[in-house]
Amino acid sequence: MHGNPVPDSYVYVTEEGVTRHYADGSVEALAWEDVVEVRVEGDADADVLYTLLDRDGQGCVVPRSATDASFLTRLRYLPDFDLDRLASAVATSKEGYTVVWRSPDPPSPLPDLEYD
């Protein structure tokens, strides 16, 4: 029996965040409220990768081939997100990355609390 090949990953976009499930069982997830940077880069397979990062540099890598309109729609809700800048970066993507958005007001680090 011949079926469709199993994709390398699945991407879920919700109001809360983005989750990518890999074929090996590993998962990357990031809440929208934690996103402080969005990058675009090309990869060796001629796909475009969107990388969402939090303030600690942890993130979620989303291949364009695994996205739908809901992903781009949700990006528009990031403060001052520029869809034209995103489109330009995608059109010229190559090895390396382009930062297309940074949070205008990244979350501040948690204060060091002292306990008595």
PDB file of N, CA and C in Angstrom:
ATOM      1  N   MET A   1       0.838  -1.170   0.000  1.00  0.00           N
ATOM      2  CA  MET A   1       0.000   0.000   0.000  1.00  0.00           C
ATOM      3  C   MET A   1       0.893   1.246   0.000  1.00  0.00           C
ATOM      4  N   HIS A   2       0.590   2.172  -0.868  1.00  0.00           N
ATOM      5  CA  HIS A   2       1.370   3.409  -0.967  1.00  0.00           C
ATOM      6  C   HIS A   2       0.532   4.551  -0.435  1.00  0.00           C
ATOM      7  N   GLY A   3       1.068   5.265   0.506  1.00  0.00           N
ATOM      8  CA  GLY A   3       0.358   6.412   1.060  1.00  0.00           C
ATOM      9  C   GLY A   3       1.211   7.648   0.909  1.00  0.00           C
ATOM     10  N   ASN A   4       0.713   8.725   1.412  1.00  0.00           N
ATOM     11  CA  ASN A   4       1.483   9.965   1.401  1.00  0.00           C
ATOM     12  C   ASN A   4       2.636   9.836   2.386  1.00  0.00           C
ATOM     13  N   PRO A   5       3.796  10.389   2.054  1.00  0.00           N
ATOM     14  CA  PRO A   5       4.907  10.329   3.002  1.00  0.00           C
ATOM     15  C   PRO A   5       4.575  11.142   4.255  1.00  0.00           C
ATOM     16  N   VAL A   6       5.117  10.698   5.367  1.00  0.00           N
ATOM     17  CA  VAL A   6       4.893  11.407   6.627  1.00  0.00           C
ATOM     18  C   VAL A   6       5.725  12.683   6.604  1.00  0.00           C
ATOM     19  N   PRO A   7       5.116  13.838   6.885  1.00  0.00           N
ATOM     20  CA  PRO A   7       5.886  15.087   6.880  1.00  0.00           C
ATOM     21  C   PRO A   7       6.921  15.090   8.007  1.00  0.00           C
ATOM     22  N   ASP A   8       7.975  15.888   7.813  1.00  0.00           N
ATOM     23  CA  ASP A   8       9.030  15.992   8.823  1.00  0.00           C
ATOM     24  C   ASP A   8       8.529  16.648  10.103  1.00  0.00           C
ATOM     25  N   SER A   9       7.511  17.499   9.977  1.00  0.00           N
ATOM     26  CA  SER A   9       7.000  18.185  11.158  1.00  0.00           C
ATOM     27  C   SER A   9       5.595  18.703  10.910  1.00  0.00           C
ATOM     28  N   TYR A  10       4.932  18.989  12.006  1.00  0.00           N
ATOM     29  CA  TYR A  10       3.613  19.615  11.971  1.00  0.00           C
ATOM     30  C   TYR A  10       3.706  20.913  12.756  1.00  0.00           C
ATOM     31  N   VAL A  11       3.017  21.936  12.297  1.00  0.00           N
ATOM     32  CA  VAL A  11       3.001  23.220  12.985  1.00  0.00           C
ATOM     33  C   VAL A  11       1.567  23.562  13.334  1.00  0.00           C
ATOM     34  N   TYR A  12       1.365  23.942  14.609  1.00  0.00           N
ATOM     35  CA  TYR A  12       0.049  24.369  15.072  1.00  0.00           C
ATOM     36  C   TYR A  12       0.135  25.817  15.522  1.00  0.00           C
ATOM     37  N   VAL A  13      -0.753  26.635  14.996  1.00  0.00           N
ATOM     38  CA  VAL A  13      -0.812  28.044  15.370  1.00  0.00           C
ATOM     39  C   VAL A  13      -2.135  28.264  16.085  1.00  0.00           C
ATOM     40  N   THR A  14      -2.041  28.810  17.302  1.00  0.00           N
ATOM     41  CA  THR A  14      -3.243  29.120  18.075  1.00  0.00           C
ATOM     42  C   THR A  14      -3.150  30.561  18.546  1.00  0.00           C
ATOM     43  N   GLU A  15      -4.169  31.013  19.217  1.00  0.00           N
ATOM     44  CA  GLU A  15      -4.133  32.356  19.803  1.00  0.00           C
ATOM     45  C   GLU A  15      -3.075  32.450  20.897  1.00  0.00           C
ATOM     46  N   GLU A  16      -2.730  31.311  21.497  1.00  0.00           N
ATOM     47  CA  GLU A  16      -1.753  31.304  22.580  1.00  0.00           C
ATOM     48  C   GLU A  16      -0.318  31.272  22.071  1.00  0.00           C
ATOM     49  N   GLY A  17      -0.059  30.594  20.948  1.00  0.00           N
ATOM     50  CA  GLY A  17       1.310  30.494  20.477  1.00  0.00           C
ATOM     51  C   GLY A  17       1.469  29.573  19.287  1.00  0.00           C
ATOM     52  N   VAL A  18       2.723  29.178  19.046  1.00  0.00           N
ATOM     53  CA  VAL A  18       3.080  28.316  17.919  1.00  0.00           C
ATOM     54  C   VAL A  18       3.777  27.081  18.486  1.00  0.00           C
ATOM     55  N   THR A  19       3.419  25.917  17.946  1.00  0.00           N
ATOM     56  CA  THR A  19       4.035  24.660  18.359  1.00  0.00           C
ATOM     57  C   THR A  19       4.427  23.886  17.114  1.00  0.00           C
ATOM     58  N   ARG A  20       5.659  23.368  17.114  1.00  0.00           N
ATOM     59  CA  ARG A  20       6.124  22.531  16.009  1.00  0.00           C
ATOM     60  C   ARG A  20       6.474  21.156  16.558  1.00  0.00           C
ATOM     61  N   HIS A  21       5.838  20.130  16.015  1.00  0.00           N
ATOM     62  CA  HIS A  21       6.096  18.744  16.394  1.00  0.00           C
ATOM     63  C   HIS A  21       6.944  18.107  15.296  1.00  0.00           C
ATOM     64  N   TYR A  22       8.109  17.575  15.669  1.00  0.00           N
ATOM     65  CA  TYR A  22       9.003  16.921  14.725  1.00  0.00           C
ATOM     66  C   TYR A  22       8.689  15.426  14.637  1.00  0.00           C
ATOM     67  N   ALA A  23       9.092  14.817  13.534  1.00  0.00           N
ATOM     68  CA  ALA A  23       8.850  13.388  13.308  1.00  0.00           C
ATOM     69  C   ALA A  23       9.512  12.535  14.389  1.00  0.00           C
ATOM     70  N   ASP A  24      10.624  13.019  14.980  1.00  0.00           N
ATOM     71  CA  ASP A  24      11.315  12.239  16.012  1.00  0.00           C
ATOM     72  C   ASP A  24      10.665  12.364  17.391  1.00  0.00           C
ATOM     73  N   GLY A  25       9.558  13.116  17.468  1.00  0.00           N
ATOM     74  CA  GLY A  25       8.846  13.272  18.733  1.00  0.00           C
ATOM     75  C   GLY A  25       9.207  14.519  19.510  1.00  0.00           C
ATOM     76  N   SER A  26      10.247  15.234  19.109  1.00  0.00           N
ATOM     77  CA  SER A  26      10.609  16.463  19.816  1.00  0.00           C
ATOM     78  C   SER A  26       9.630  17.580  19.460  1.00  0.00           C
ATOM     79  N   VAL A  27       9.547  18.561  20.339  1.00  0.00           N
ATOM     80  CA  VAL A  27       8.580  19.651  20.193  1.00  0.00           C
ATOM     81  C   VAL A  27       9.262  20.980  20.499  1.00  0.00           C
ATOM     82  N   GLU A  28       8.950  21.993  19.695  1.00  0.00           N
ATOM     83  CA  GLU A  28       9.327  23.384  19.978  1.00  0.00           C
ATOM     84  C   GLU A  28       8.025  24.155  20.124  1.00  0.00           C
ATOM     85  N   ALA A  29       7.956  24.997  21.132  1.00  0.00           N
ATOM     86  CA  ALA A  29       6.742  25.787  21.333  1.00  0.00           C
ATOM     87  C   ALA A  29       7.116  27.148  21.902  1.00  0.00           C
ATOM     88  N   LEU A  30       6.339  28.140  21.531  1.00  0.00           N
ATOM     89  CA  LEU A  30       6.570  29.494  22.029  1.00  0.00           C
ATOM     90  C   LEU A  30       5.240  30.226  22.091  1.00  0.00           C
ATOM     91  N   ALA A  31       4.967  30.827  23.234  1.00  0.00           N
ATOM     92  CA  ALA A  31       3.756  31.633  23.401  1.00  0.00           C
ATOM     93  C   ALA A  31       3.952  32.970  22.705  1.00  0.00           C
ATOM     94  N   TRP A  32       2.893  33.482  22.076  1.00  0.00           N
ATOM     95  CA  TRP A  32       2.992  34.772  21.383  1.00  0.00           C
ATOM     96  C   TRP A  32       3.464  35.874  22.325  1.00  0.00           C
ATOM     97  N   GLU A  33       3.022  35.840  23.566  1.00  0.00           N
ATOM     98  CA  GLU A  33       3.396  36.897  24.507  1.00  0.00           C
ATOM     99  C   GLU A  33       4.888  36.895  24.827  1.00  0.00           C
ATOM    100  N   ASP A  34       5.574  35.782  24.547  1.00  0.00           N
ATOM    101  CA  ASP A  34       7.005  35.682  24.815  1.00  0.00           C
ATOM    102  C   ASP A  34       7.877  36.001  23.607  1.00  0.00           C
ATOM    103  N   VAL A  35       7.280  36.164  22.438  1.00  0.00           N
ATOM    104  CA  VAL A  35       8.052  36.434  21.220  1.00  0.00           C
ATOM    105  C   VAL A  35       8.631  37.850  21.284  1.00  0.00           C
ATOM    106  N   VAL A  36       9.964  37.941  21.135  1.00  0.00           N
ATOM    107  CA  VAL A  36      10.623  39.251  21.111  1.00  0.00           C
ATOM    108  C   VAL A  36      11.354  39.506  19.799  1.00  0.00           C
ATOM    109  N   GLU A  37      11.457  38.455  18.935  1.00  0.00           N
ATOM    110  CA  GLU A  37      12.135  38.639  17.655  1.00  0.00           C
ATOM    111  C   GLU A  37      11.609  37.621  16.649  1.00  0.00           C
ATOM    112  N   VAL A  38      11.495  38.078  15.381  1.00  0.00           N
ATOM    113  CA  VAL A  38      11.110  37.200  14.269  1.00  0.00           C
ATOM    114  C   VAL A  38      12.192  37.327  13.204  1.00  0.00           C
ATOM    115  N   ARG A  39      12.709  36.167  12.783  1.00  0.00           N
ATOM    116  CA  ARG A  39      13.747  36.121  11.748  1.00  0.00           C
ATOM    117  C   ARG A  39      13.238  35.337  10.547  1.00  0.00           C
ATOM    118  N   VAL A  40      13.800  35.650   9.379  1.00  0.00           N
ATOM    119  CA  VAL A  40      13.520  34.907   8.150  1.00  0.00           C
ATOM    120  C   VAL A  40      14.854  34.457   7.586  1.00  0.00           C
ATOM    121  N   GLU A  41      14.918  33.203   7.168  1.00  0.00           N
ATOM    122  CA  GLU A  41      16.138  32.708   6.529  1.00  0.00           C
ATOM    123  C   GLU A  41      15.797  31.626   5.524  1.00  0.00           C
ATOM    124  N   GLY A  42      16.679  31.471   4.551  1.00  0.00           N
ATOM    125  CA  GLY A  42      16.542  30.388   3.593  1.00  0.00           C
ATOM    126  C   GLY A  42      17.224  29.154   4.143  1.00  0.00           C
ATOM    127  N   ASP A  43      16.833  27.991   3.667  1.00  0.00           N
ATOM    128  CA  ASP A  43      17.533  26.774   4.072  1.00  0.00           C
ATOM    129  C   ASP A  43      18.004  26.013   2.832  1.00  0.00           C
ATOM    130  N   ALA A  44      18.737  24.953   3.041  1.00  0.00           N
ATOM    131  CA  ALA A  44      19.331  24.192   1.935  1.00  0.00           C
ATOM    132  C   ALA A  44      18.280  23.560   1.029  1.00  0.00           C
ATOM    133  N   ASP A  45      17.073  23.364   1.528  1.00  0.00           N
ATOM    134  CA  ASP A  45      16.002  22.748   0.732  1.00  0.00           C
ATOM    135  C   ASP A  45      15.169  23.776  -0.023  1.00  0.00           C
ATOM    136  N   ALA A  46      15.651  25.001  -0.095  1.00  0.00           N
ATOM    137  CA  ALA A  46      14.980  26.097  -0.797  1.00  0.00           C
ATOM    138  C   ALA A  46      13.654  26.481  -0.155  1.00  0.00           C
ATOM    139  N   ASP A  47      13.480  26.144   1.107  1.00  0.00           N
ATOM    140  CA  ASP A  47      12.306  26.585   1.850  1.00  0.00           C
ATOM    141  C   ASP A  47      12.715  27.835   2.628  1.00  0.00           C
ATOM    142  N   VAL A  48      11.746  28.566   3.100  1.00  0.00           N
ATOM    143  CA  VAL A  48      11.992  29.725   3.943  1.00  0.00           C
ATOM    144  C   VAL A  48      11.623  29.330   5.361  1.00  0.00           C
ATOM    145  N   LEU A  49      12.459  29.715   6.309  1.00  0.00           N
ATOM    146  CA  LEU A  49      12.206  29.416   7.712  1.00  0.00           C
ATOM    147  C   LEU A  49      11.909  30.700   8.462  1.00  0.00           C
ATOM    148  N   TYR A  50      10.847  30.671   9.246  1.00  0.00           N
ATOM    149  CA  TYR A  50      10.543  31.753  10.169  1.00  0.00           C
ATOM    150  C   TYR A  50      11.008  31.276  11.539  1.00  0.00           C
ATOM    151  N   THR A  51      11.812  32.070  12.217  1.00  0.00           N
ATOM    152  CA  THR A  51      12.266  31.718  13.555  1.00  0.00           C
ATOM    153  C   THR A  51      11.716  32.744  14.527  1.00  0.00           C
ATOM    154  N   LEU A  52      10.971  32.259  15.508  1.00  0.00           N
ATOM    155  CA  LEU A  52      10.428  33.096  16.571  1.00  0.00           C
ATOM    156  C   LEU A  52      11.277  32.855  17.811  1.00  0.00           C
ATOM    157  N   LEU A  53      11.750  33.927  18.437  1.00  0.00           N
ATOM    158  CA  LEU A  53      12.630  33.798  19.599  1.00  0.00           C
ATOM    159  C   LEU A  53      12.048  34.503  20.809  1.00  0.00           C
ATOM    160  N   ASP A  54      12.357  33.951  21.998  1.00  0.00           N
ATOM    161  CA  ASP A  54      11.989  34.622  23.233  1.00  0.00           C
ATOM    162  C   ASP A  54      13.213  35.362  23.765  1.00  0.00           C
ATOM    163  N   ARG A  55      13.095  36.002  24.912  1.00  0.00           N
ATOM    164  CA  ARG A  55      14.187  36.834  25.426  1.00  0.00           C
ATOM    165  C   ARG A  55      15.412  36.030  25.840  1.00  0.00           C
ATOM    166  N   ASP A  56      15.256  34.711  26.020  1.00  0.00           N
ATOM    167  CA  ASP A  56      16.395  33.859  26.373  1.00  0.00           C
ATOM    168  C   ASP A  56      17.039  33.212  25.156  1.00  0.00           C
ATOM    169  N   GLY A  57      16.547  33.551  23.952  1.00  0.00           N
ATOM    170  CA  GLY A  57      17.105  32.979  22.739  1.00  0.00           C
ATOM    171  C   GLY A  57      16.507  31.628  22.373  1.00  0.00           C
ATOM    172  N   GLN A  58      15.545  31.161  23.154  1.00  0.00           N
ATOM    173  CA  GLN A  58      14.851  29.920  22.836  1.00  0.00           C
ATOM    174  C   GLN A  58      13.752  30.245  21.843  1.00  0.00           C
ATOM    175  N   GLY A  59      13.407  29.291  21.000  1.00  0.00           N
ATOM    176  CA  GLY A  59      12.398  29.633  20.025  1.00  0.00           C
ATOM    177  C   GLY A  59      11.755  28.466  19.346  1.00  0.00           C
ATOM    178  N   CYS A  60      11.100  28.807  18.258  1.00  0.00           N
ATOM    179  CA  CYS A  60      10.372  27.853  17.451  1.00  0.00           C
ATOM    180  C   CYS A  60      10.658  28.184  15.987  1.00  0.00           C
ATOM    181  N   VAL A  61      11.168  27.199  15.243  1.00  0.00           N
ATOM    182  CA  VAL A  61      11.477  27.373  13.826  1.00  0.00           C
ATOM    183  C   VAL A  61      10.310  26.826  13.019  1.00  0.00           C
ATOM    184  N   VAL A  62       9.753  27.665  12.150  1.00  0.00           N
ATOM    185  CA  VAL A  62       8.569  27.305  11.384  1.00  0.00           C
ATOM    186  C   VAL A  62       8.876  27.391   9.893  1.00  0.00           C
ATOM    187  N   PRO A  63       8.880  26.259   9.174  1.00  0.00           N
ATOM    188  CA  PRO A  63       9.089  26.315   7.723  1.00  0.00           C
ATOM    189  C   PRO A  63       7.877  26.934   7.031  1.00  0.00           C
ATOM    190  N   ARG A  64       8.135  27.755   6.025  1.00  0.00           N
ATOM    191  CA  ARG A  64       7.016  28.367   5.290  1.00  0.00           C
ATOM    192  C   ARG A  64       6.098  27.294   4.716  1.00  0.00           C
ATOM    193  N   SER A  65       6.674  26.170   4.299  1.00  0.00           N
ATOM    194  CA  SER A  65       5.870  25.100   3.719  1.00  0.00           C
ATOM    195  C   SER A  65       4.892  24.488   4.724  1.00  0.00           C
ATOM    196  N   ALA A  66       5.105  24.746   6.026  1.00  0.00           N
ATOM    197  CA  ALA A  66       4.224  24.190   7.052  1.00  0.00           C
ATOM    198  C   ALA A  66       3.258  25.230   7.614  1.00  0.00           C
ATOM    199  N   THR A  67       3.225  26.409   6.998  1.00  0.00           N
ATOM    200  CA  THR A  67       2.349  27.466   7.516  1.00  0.00           C
ATOM    201  C   THR A  67       1.113  27.618   6.647  1.00  0.00           C
ATOM    202  N   ASP A  68       0.146  28.304   7.203  1.00  0.00           N
ATOM    203  CA  ASP A  68      -1.033  28.683   6.438  1.00  0.00           C
ATOM    204  C   ASP A  68      -1.325  30.148   6.764  1.00  0.00           C
ATOM    205  N   ALA A  69      -2.439  30.639   6.308  1.00  0.00           N
ATOM    206  CA  ALA A  69      -2.779  32.053   6.490  1.00  0.00           C
ATOM    207  C   ALA A  69      -2.880  32.437   7.964  1.00  0.00           C
ATOM    208  N   SER A  70      -3.229  31.492   8.833  1.00  0.00           N
ATOM    209  CA  SER A  70      -3.383  31.827  10.253  1.00  0.00           C
ATOM    210  C   SER A  70      -2.053  32.260  10.879  1.00  0.00           C
ATOM    211  N   PHE A  71      -0.949  31.698  10.418  1.00  0.00           N
ATOM    212  CA  PHE A  71       0.361  32.082  10.947  1.00  0.00           C
ATOM    213  C   PHE A  71       0.672  33.534  10.595  1.00  0.00           C
ATOM    214  N   LEU A  72       0.531  33.887   9.324  1.00  0.00           N
ATOM    215  CA  LEU A  72       0.809  35.264   8.899  1.00  0.00           C
ATOM    216  C   LEU A  72      -0.175  36.245   9.521  1.00  0.00           C
ATOM    217  N   THR A  73      -1.413  35.832   9.653  1.00  0.00           N
ATOM    218  CA  THR A  73      -2.412  36.691  10.291  1.00  0.00           C
ATOM    219  C   THR A  73      -2.016  36.972  11.728  1.00  0.00           C
ATOM    220  N   ARG A  74      -1.542  35.958  12.433  1.00  0.00           N
ATOM    221  CA  ARG A  74      -1.172  36.138  13.836  1.00  0.00           C
ATOM    222  C   ARG A  74       0.075  37.002  13.971  1.00  0.00           C
ATOM    223  N   LEU A  75       1.022  36.884  13.037  1.00  0.00           N
ATOM    224  CA  LEU A  75       2.209  37.746  13.078  1.00  0.00           C
ATOM    225  C   LEU A  75       1.817  39.221  13.032  1.00  0.00           C
ATOM    226  N   ARG A  76       0.775  39.532  12.285  1.00  0.00           N
ATOM    227  CA  ARG A  76       0.334  40.933  12.146  1.00  0.00           C
ATOM    228  C   ARG A  76      -0.067  41.548  13.476  1.00  0.00           C
ATOM    229  N   TYR A  77      -0.398  40.732  14.462  1.00  0.00           N
ATOM    230  CA  TYR A  77      -0.800  41.260  15.770  1.00  0.00           C
ATOM    231  C   TYR A  77       0.385  41.620  16.661  1.00  0.00           C
ATOM    232  N   LEU A  78       1.600  41.272  16.236  1.00  0.00           N
ATOM    233  CA  LEU A  78       2.764  41.712  16.996  1.00  0.00           C
ATOM    234  C   LEU A  78       2.876  43.227  16.834  1.00  0.00           C
ATOM    235  N   PRO A  79       3.210  43.961  17.899  1.00  0.00           N
ATOM    236  CA  PRO A  79       3.238  45.430  17.827  1.00  0.00           C
ATOM    237  C   PRO A  79       4.144  45.946  16.701  1.00  0.00           C
ATOM    238  N   ASP A  80       3.583  46.775  15.839  1.00  0.00           N
ATOM    239  CA  ASP A  80       4.319  47.412  14.742  1.00  0.00           C
ATOM    240  C   ASP A  80       4.931  46.418  13.755  1.00  0.00           C
ATOM    241  N   PHE A  81       4.336  45.229  13.617  1.00  0.00           N
ATOM    242  CA  PHE A  81       4.853  44.257  12.663  1.00  0.00           C
ATOM    243  C   PHE A  81       4.608  44.762  11.248  1.00  0.00           C
ATOM    244  N   ASP A  82       5.630  44.674  10.393  1.00  0.00           N
ATOM    245  CA  ASP A  82       5.567  45.199   9.028  1.00  0.00           C
ATOM    246  C   ASP A  82       5.522  44.047   8.029  1.00  0.00           C
ATOM    247  N   LEU A  83       4.353  43.791   7.458  1.00  0.00           N
ATOM    248  CA  LEU A  83       4.203  42.702   6.494  1.00  0.00           C
ATOM    249  C   LEU A  83       5.020  42.935   5.228  1.00  0.00           C
ATOM    250  N   ASP A  84       5.210  44.187   4.831  1.00  0.00           N
ATOM    251  CA  ASP A  84       6.027  44.488   3.646  1.00  0.00           C
ATOM    252  C   ASP A  84       7.487  44.095   3.884  1.00  0.00           C
ATOM    253  N   ARG A  85       7.976  44.366   5.078  1.00  0.00           N
ATOM    254  CA  ARG A  85       9.352  43.976   5.415  1.00  0.00           C
ATOM    255  C   ARG A  85       9.480  42.454   5.406  1.00  0.00           C
ATOM    256  N   LEU A  86       8.467  41.760   5.914  1.00  0.00           N
ATOM    257  CA  LEU A  86       8.465  40.302   5.903  1.00  0.00           C
ATOM    258  C   LEU A  86       8.488  39.785   4.466  1.00  0.00           C
ATOM    259  N   ALA A  87       7.627  40.321   3.607  1.00  0.00           N
ATOM    260  CA  ALA A  87       7.554  39.885   2.214  1.00  0.00           C
ATOM    261  C   ALA A  87       8.883  40.113   1.501  1.00  0.00           C
ATOM    262  N   SER A  88       9.517  41.243   1.760  1.00  0.00           N
ATOM    263  CA  SER A  88      10.805  41.542   1.144  1.00  0.00           C
ATOM    264  C   SER A  88      11.875  40.548   1.612  1.00  0.00           C
ATOM    265  N   ALA A  89      11.891  40.234   2.892  1.00  0.00           N
ATOM    266  CA  ALA A  89      12.869  39.283   3.427  1.00  0.00           C
ATOM    267  C   ALA A  89      12.649  37.886   2.856  1.00  0.00           C
ATOM    268  N   VAL A  90      11.402  37.486   2.694  1.00  0.00           N
ATOM    269  CA  VAL A  90      11.090  36.176   2.119  1.00  0.00           C
ATOM    270  C   VAL A  90      11.538  36.124   0.663  1.00  0.00           C
ATOM    271  N   ALA A  91      11.287  37.206  -0.084  1.00  0.00           N
ATOM    272  CA  ALA A  91      11.646  37.245  -1.509  1.00  0.00           C
ATOM    273  C   ALA A  91      13.155  37.189  -1.725  1.00  0.00           C
ATOM    274  N   THR A  92      13.926  37.685  -0.768  1.00  0.00           N
ATOM    275  CA  THR A  92      15.383  37.729  -0.923  1.00  0.00           C
ATOM    276  C   THR A  92      16.089  36.788   0.041  1.00  0.00           C
ATOM    277  N   SER A  93      15.357  35.826   0.620  1.00  0.00           N
ATOM    278  CA  SER A  93      15.959  34.932   1.619  1.00  0.00           C
ATOM    279  C   SER A  93      17.116  34.156   1.024  1.00  0.00           C
ATOM    280  N   LYS A  94      18.122  33.984   1.834  1.00  0.00           N
ATOM    281  CA  LYS A  94      19.317  33.256   1.436  1.00  0.00           C
ATOM    282  C   LYS A  94      19.931  32.659   2.685  1.00  0.00           C
ATOM    283  N   GLU A  95      21.112  32.095   2.541  1.00  0.00           N
ATOM    284  CA  GLU A  95      21.807  31.573   3.711  1.00  0.00           C
ATOM    285  C   GLU A  95      21.990  32.724   4.706  1.00  0.00           C
ATOM    286  N   GLY A  96      21.909  32.439   5.968  1.00  0.00           N
ATOM    287  CA  GLY A  96      21.922  33.477   6.981  1.00  0.00           C
ATOM    288  C   GLY A  96      20.497  33.904   7.271  1.00  0.00           C
ATOM    289  N   TYR A  97      20.334  34.881   8.112  1.00  0.00           N
ATOM    290  CA  TYR A  97      18.987  35.303   8.469  1.00  0.00           C
ATOM    291  C   TYR A  97      18.848  36.819   8.437  1.00  0.00           C
ATOM    292  N   THR A  98      17.587  37.253   8.355  1.00  0.00           N
ATOM    293  CA  THR A  98      17.238  38.665   8.412  1.00  0.00           C
ATOM    294  C   THR A  98      16.249  38.849   9.547  1.00  0.00           C
ATOM    295  N   VAL A  99      16.526  39.772  10.439  1.00  0.00           N
ATOM    296  CA  VAL A  99      15.574  40.089  11.505  1.00  0.00           C
ATOM    297  C   VAL A  99      14.510  40.984  10.898  1.00  0.00           C
ATOM    298  N   VAL A 100      13.258  40.534  10.935  1.00  0.00           N
ATOM    299  CA  VAL A 100      12.171  41.323  10.354  1.00  0.00           C
ATOM    300  C   VAL A 100      11.335  42.020  11.415  1.00  0.00           C
ATOM    301  N   TRP A 101      11.506  41.625  12.677  1.00  0.00           N
ATOM    302  CA  TRP A 101      10.761  42.285  13.752  1.00  0.00           C
ATOM    303  C   TRP A 101      11.450  42.039  15.075  1.00  0.00           C
ATOM    304  N   ARG A 102      11.511  43.093  15.884  1.00  0.00           N
ATOM    305  CA  ARG A 102      11.939  42.996  17.280  1.00  0.00           C
ATOM    306  C   ARG A 102      10.911  43.714  18.121  1.00  0.00           C
ATOM    307  N   SER A 103      10.646  43.171  19.251  1.00  0.00           N
ATOM    308  CA  SER A 103       9.677  43.783  20.149  1.00  0.00           C
ATOM    309  C   SER A 103      10.130  45.191  20.508  1.00  0.00           C
ATOM    310  N   PRO A 104       9.231  46.160  20.381  1.00  0.00           N
ATOM    311  CA  PRO A 104       9.606  47.523  20.757  1.00  0.00           C
ATOM    312  C   PRO A 104       9.789  47.657  22.263  1.00  0.00           C
ATOM    313  N   ASP A 105       9.246  46.725  23.016  1.00  0.00           N
ATOM    314  CA  ASP A 105       9.332  46.782  24.474  1.00  0.00           C
ATOM    315  C   ASP A 105       9.480  45.367  25.011  1.00  0.00           C
ATOM    316  N   PRO A 106      10.694  44.773  24.865  1.00  0.00           N
ATOM    317  CA  PRO A 106      10.852  43.396  25.329  1.00  0.00           C
ATOM    318  C   PRO A 106      10.584  43.285  26.822  1.00  0.00           C
ATOM    319  N   PRO A 107      10.102  42.145  27.256  1.00  0.00           N
ATOM    320  CA  PRO A 107       9.845  41.980  28.685  1.00  0.00           C
ATOM    321  C   PRO A 107      11.129  42.144  29.483  1.00  0.00           C
ATOM    322  N   SER A 108      11.032  42.765  30.613  1.00  0.00           N
ATOM    323  CA  SER A 108      12.214  42.954  31.435  1.00  0.00           C
ATOM    324  C   SER A 108      12.509  41.668  32.197  1.00  0.00           C
ATOM    325  N   PRO A 109      13.777  41.474  32.563  1.00  0.00           N
ATOM    326  CA  PRO A 109      14.114  40.276  33.325  1.00  0.00           C
ATOM    327  C   PRO A 109      13.395  40.288  34.666  1.00  0.00           C
ATOM    328  N   LEU A 110      13.132  39.123  35.181  1.00  0.00           N
ATOM    329  CA  LEU A 110      12.507  39.030  36.495  1.00  0.00           C
ATOM    330  C   LEU A 110      13.478  39.527  37.541  1.00  0.00           C
ATOM    331  N   PRO A 111      12.976  40.263  38.532  1.00  0.00           N
ATOM    332  CA  PRO A 111      13.883  40.760  39.572  1.00  0.00           C
ATOM    333  C   PRO A 111      14.372  39.610  40.442  1.00  0.00           C
ATOM    334  N   ASP A 112      15.576  39.797  40.991  1.00  0.00           N
ATOM    335  CA  ASP A 112      16.083  38.815  41.954  1.00  0.00           C
ATOM    336  C   ASP A 112      15.349  39.062  43.276  1.00  0.00           C
ATOM    337  N   LEU A 113      14.667  38.048  43.738  1.00  0.00           N
ATOM    338  CA  LEU A 113      13.926  38.185  44.985  1.00  0.00           C
ATOM    339  C   LEU A 113      14.720  37.537  46.120  1.00  0.00           C
ATOM    340  N   GLU A 114      14.773  38.223  47.206  1.00  0.00           N
ATOM    341  CA  GLU A 114      15.454  37.663  48.371  1.00  0.00           C
ATOM    342  C   GLU A 114      14.403  37.217  49.365  1.00  0.00           C
ATOM    343  N   TYR A 115      14.627  36.053  49.911  1.00  0.00           N
ATOM    344  CA  TYR A 115      13.683  35.499  50.886  1.00  0.00           C
ATOM    345  C   TYR A 115      14.323  35.543  52.273  1.00  0.00           C
ATOM    346  N   ASP A 116      13.515  35.853  53.262  1.00  0.00           N
ATOM    347  CA  ASP A 116      14.024  35.891  54.656  1.00  0.00           C
ATOM    348  C   ASP A 116      14.128  34.512  55.227  1.00  0.00           C
TER     349      ASP A 116
END
